[in-house]
């Protein structure tokens, strides 16, 4: 079930008009699609923030040790123009989807610490 939702997210991230509300009106009643569209909006916003902040070096990625499965990362983007920062907790699948953009992938790969072995 979760995999199907992430497949929808990947398709919507890669193909901007992959799922038109007008053409697929009935599909938008599915709660999985509603969740997928929220994730897409979140990941697109993170991609844009990473593109802006990446060259300035204001991005930190850390693995969360206290997570149940140990497979979550904290992405922190400093935004000095608004005197703040943005934090997002992502699982490994969401990080993979975030990296569908080649520019973001290069930045994330450079900053992501390797997973700890048990």
C-alpha atoms as a PDB file:
ATOM      1  CA  UNK A   1       0.000   0.000   0.000  1.00  0.00           C
ATOM      2  CA  UNK A   2       2.742   2.423   0.998  1.00  0.00           C
ATOM      3  CA  UNK A   3       4.765   1.471  -2.086  1.00  0.00           C
ATOM      4  CA  UNK A   4       1.867   2.372  -4.380  1.00  0.00           C
ATOM      5  CA  UNK A   5       1.618   5.804  -2.791  1.00  0.00           C
ATOM      6  CA  UNK A   6       5.358   6.406  -3.214  1.00  0.00           C
ATOM      7  CA  UNK A   7       5.104   5.309  -6.866  1.00  0.00           C
ATOM      8  CA  UNK A   8       2.416   7.952  -7.362  1.00  0.00           C
ATOM      9  CA  UNK A   9       4.661  10.530  -5.671  1.00  0.00           C
ATOM     10  CA  UNK A  10       7.587   9.637  -7.923  1.00  0.00           C
ATOM     11  CA  UNK A  11       5.466   9.917 -11.034  1.00  0.00           C
ATOM     12  CA  UNK A  12       4.040  13.283  -9.969  1.00  0.00           C
ATOM     13  CA  UNK A  13       7.524  14.613  -9.165  1.00  0.00           C
ATOM     14  CA  UNK A  14       9.004  13.559 -12.501  1.00  0.00           C
ATOM     15  CA  UNK A  15       6.024  14.339 -14.725  1.00  0.00           C
ATOM     16  CA  UNK A  16       4.532  17.649 -13.610  1.00  0.00           C
ATOM     17  CA  UNK A  17       1.160  17.007 -15.359  1.00  0.00           C
ATOM     18  CA  UNK A  18       1.088  13.287 -14.551  1.00  0.00           C
ATOM     19  CA  UNK A  19      -2.197  13.453 -12.695  1.00  0.00           C
ATOM     20  CA  UNK A  20      -4.580  16.143 -13.809  1.00  0.00           C
ATOM     21  CA  UNK A  21      -7.490  16.711 -11.444  1.00  0.00           C
ATOM     22  CA  UNK A  22      -9.773  17.312 -14.436  1.00  0.00           C
ATOM     23  CA  UNK A  23      -8.890  14.062 -16.205  1.00  0.00           C
ATOM     24  CA  UNK A  24      -8.740  11.893 -13.062  1.00  0.00           C
ATOM     25  CA  UNK A  25     -11.462  13.465 -10.946  1.00  0.00           C
ATOM     26  CA  UNK A  26     -12.635  10.180  -9.394  1.00  0.00           C
ATOM     27  CA  UNK A  27      -9.093   9.212  -8.377  1.00  0.00           C
ATOM     28  CA  UNK A  28      -8.819  12.258  -6.125  1.00  0.00           C
ATOM     29  CA  UNK A  29     -11.351  10.685  -3.739  1.00  0.00           C
ATOM     30  CA  UNK A  30      -8.677   8.152  -2.764  1.00  0.00           C
ATOM     31  CA  UNK A  31      -6.974   9.191   0.533  1.00  0.00           C
ATOM     32  CA  UNK A  32      -3.671   7.731  -0.693  1.00  0.00           C
ATOM     33  CA  UNK A  33      -3.660  10.180  -3.592  1.00  0.00           C
ATOM     34  CA  UNK A  34      -4.433  13.063  -1.238  1.00  0.00           C
ATOM     35  CA  UNK A  35      -1.458  12.035   0.910  1.00  0.00           C
ATOM     36  CA  UNK A  36       0.705  11.640  -2.195  1.00  0.00           C
ATOM     37  CA  UNK A  37      -0.113  15.169  -3.380  1.00  0.00           C
ATOM     38  CA  UNK A  38       0.773  16.577   0.053  1.00  0.00           C
ATOM     39  CA  UNK A  39       4.110  14.743  -0.042  1.00  0.00           C
ATOM     40  CA  UNK A  40       4.776  16.016  -3.579  1.00  0.00           C
ATOM     41  CA  UNK A  41       4.139  19.629  -2.534  1.00  0.00           C
ATOM     42  CA  UNK A  42       6.405  19.161   0.499  1.00  0.00           C
ATOM     43  CA  UNK A  43       9.231  17.574  -1.515  1.00  0.00           C
ATOM     44  CA  UNK A  44       9.014  20.199  -4.292  1.00  0.00           C
ATOM     45  CA  UNK A  45       9.287  22.970  -1.701  1.00  0.00           C
ATOM     46  CA  UNK A  46      12.304  21.241  -0.146  1.00  0.00           C
ATOM     47  CA  UNK A  47      13.904  20.813  -3.578  1.00  0.00           C
ATOM     48  CA  UNK A  48      13.495  24.519  -4.273  1.00  0.00           C
ATOM     49  CA  UNK A  49      14.911  25.496  -0.875  1.00  0.00           C
ATOM     50  CA  UNK A  50      17.857  23.138  -1.403  1.00  0.00           C
ATOM     51  CA  UNK A  51      18.580  24.626  -4.834  1.00  0.00           C
ATOM     52  CA  UNK A  52      18.645  28.113  -3.318  1.00  0.00           C
ATOM     53  CA  UNK A  53      20.592  27.282  -0.145  1.00  0.00           C
ATOM     54  CA  UNK A  54      22.872  24.552  -1.506  1.00  0.00           C
ATOM     55  CA  UNK A  55      25.526  26.709  -3.161  1.00  0.00           C
ATOM     56  CA  UNK A  56      25.827  28.831  -0.008  1.00  0.00           C
ATOM     57  CA  UNK A  57      26.515  25.767   2.117  1.00  0.00           C
ATOM     58  CA  UNK A  58      23.628  26.349   4.549  1.00  0.00           C
ATOM     59  CA  UNK A  59      22.369  22.760   4.523  1.00  0.00           C
ATOM     60  CA  UNK A  60      22.903  20.007   7.101  1.00  0.00           C
ATOM     61  CA  UNK A  61      21.718  16.423   6.957  1.00  0.00           C
ATOM     62  CA  UNK A  62      21.957  14.152   9.977  1.00  0.00           C
ATOM     63  CA  UNK A  63      20.759  10.625  10.642  1.00  0.00           C
ATOM     64  CA  UNK A  64      18.387  10.344  13.563  1.00  0.00           C
ATOM     65  CA  UNK A  65      19.577   7.801  16.099  1.00  0.00           C
ATOM     66  CA  UNK A  66      16.381   7.621  18.143  1.00  0.00           C
ATOM     67  CA  UNK A  67      14.154   6.612  15.229  1.00  0.00           C
ATOM     68  CA  UNK A  68      12.438   3.248  15.605  1.00  0.00           C
ATOM     69  CA  UNK A  69      14.025   1.806  12.498  1.00  0.00           C
ATOM     70  CA  UNK A  70      17.039   4.138  12.372  1.00  0.00           C
ATOM     71  CA  UNK A  71      16.197   5.090   8.806  1.00  0.00           C
ATOM     72  CA  UNK A  72      15.212   8.718   9.163  1.00  0.00           C
ATOM     73  CA  UNK A  73      17.221  11.823   8.414  1.00  0.00           C
ATOM     74  CA  UNK A  74      16.842  15.402   9.557  1.00  0.00           C
ATOM     75  CA  UNK A  75      17.315  17.935   6.786  1.00  0.00           C
ATOM     76  CA  UNK A  76      18.039  21.449   8.042  1.00  0.00           C
ATOM     77  CA  UNK A  77      18.236  24.415   5.694  1.00  0.00           C
ATOM     78  CA  UNK A  78      19.392  27.769   7.049  1.00  0.00           C
ATOM     79  CA  UNK A  79      17.526  30.715   5.544  1.00  0.00           C
ATOM     80  CA  UNK A  80      19.363  33.882   6.610  1.00  0.00           C
ATOM     81  CA  UNK A  81      17.185  36.074   4.389  1.00  0.00           C
ATOM     82  CA  UNK A  82      14.266  35.399   6.758  1.00  0.00           C
ATOM     83  CA  UNK A  83      16.443  34.853   9.845  1.00  0.00           C
ATOM     84  CA  UNK A  84      15.321  31.298  10.286  1.00  0.00           C
ATOM     85  CA  UNK A  85      15.795  27.715   9.273  1.00  0.00           C
ATOM     86  CA  UNK A  86      13.666  24.936   7.901  1.00  0.00           C
ATOM     87  CA  UNK A  87      13.767  21.417   9.299  1.00  0.00           C
ATOM     88  CA  UNK A  88      12.248  18.329   7.756  1.00  0.00           C
ATOM     89  CA  UNK A  89      12.300  14.744   8.995  1.00  0.00           C
ATOM     90  CA  UNK A  90      12.343  12.362   6.032  1.00  0.00           C
ATOM     91  CA  UNK A  91      12.450   8.597   5.758  1.00  0.00           C
ATOM     92  CA  UNK A  92      14.816   6.921   3.299  1.00  0.00           C
ATOM     93  CA  UNK A  93      12.107   6.604   0.631  1.00  0.00           C
ATOM     94  CA  UNK A  94      11.340  10.327   0.803  1.00  0.00           C
ATOM     95  CA  UNK A  95      15.049  11.127   0.527  1.00  0.00           C
ATOM     96  CA  UNK A  96      15.212   8.906  -2.569  1.00  0.00           C
ATOM     97  CA  UNK A  97      12.251  10.775  -4.065  1.00  0.00           C
ATOM     98  CA  UNK A  98      13.817  14.123  -3.179  1.00  0.00           C
ATOM     99  CA  UNK A  99      16.901  13.039  -5.116  1.00  0.00           C
ATOM    100  CA  UNK A 100      14.984  12.498  -8.365  1.00  0.00           C
ATOM    101  CA  UNK A 101      16.193  16.016  -9.172  1.00  0.00           C
ATOM    102  CA  UNK A 102      19.862  15.636 -10.243  1.00  0.00           C
ATOM    103  CA  UNK A 103      20.956  18.968  -8.745  1.00  0.00           C
ATOM    104  CA  UNK A 104      19.412  18.102  -5.376  1.00  0.00           C
ATOM    105  CA  UNK A 105      20.802  14.564  -5.555  1.00  0.00           C
ATOM    106  CA  UNK A 106      24.367  15.861  -5.888  1.00  0.00           C
ATOM    107  CA  UNK A 107      23.947  18.078  -2.839  1.00  0.00           C
ATOM    108  CA  UNK A 108      22.253  15.402  -0.720  1.00  0.00           C
ATOM    109  CA  UNK A 109      24.833  12.727  -1.603  1.00  0.00           C
ATOM    110  CA  UNK A 110      27.625  15.099  -0.621  1.00  0.00           C
ATOM    111  CA  UNK A 111      26.046  15.885   2.757  1.00  0.00           C
ATOM    112  CA  UNK A 112      24.389  12.621   3.856  1.00  0.00           C
ATOM    113  CA  UNK A 113      26.320  10.627   6.427  1.00  0.00           C
ATOM    114  CA  UNK A 114      26.459   6.874   5.799  1.00  0.00           C
ATOM    115  CA  UNK A 115      23.995   4.735   7.775  1.00  0.00           C
ATOM    116  CA  UNK A 116      25.321   3.184  10.956  1.00  0.00           C
ATOM    117  CA  UNK A 117      25.689  -0.551  10.932  1.00  0.00           C
ATOM    118  CA  UNK A 118      24.008  -2.395  13.831  1.00  0.00           C
END
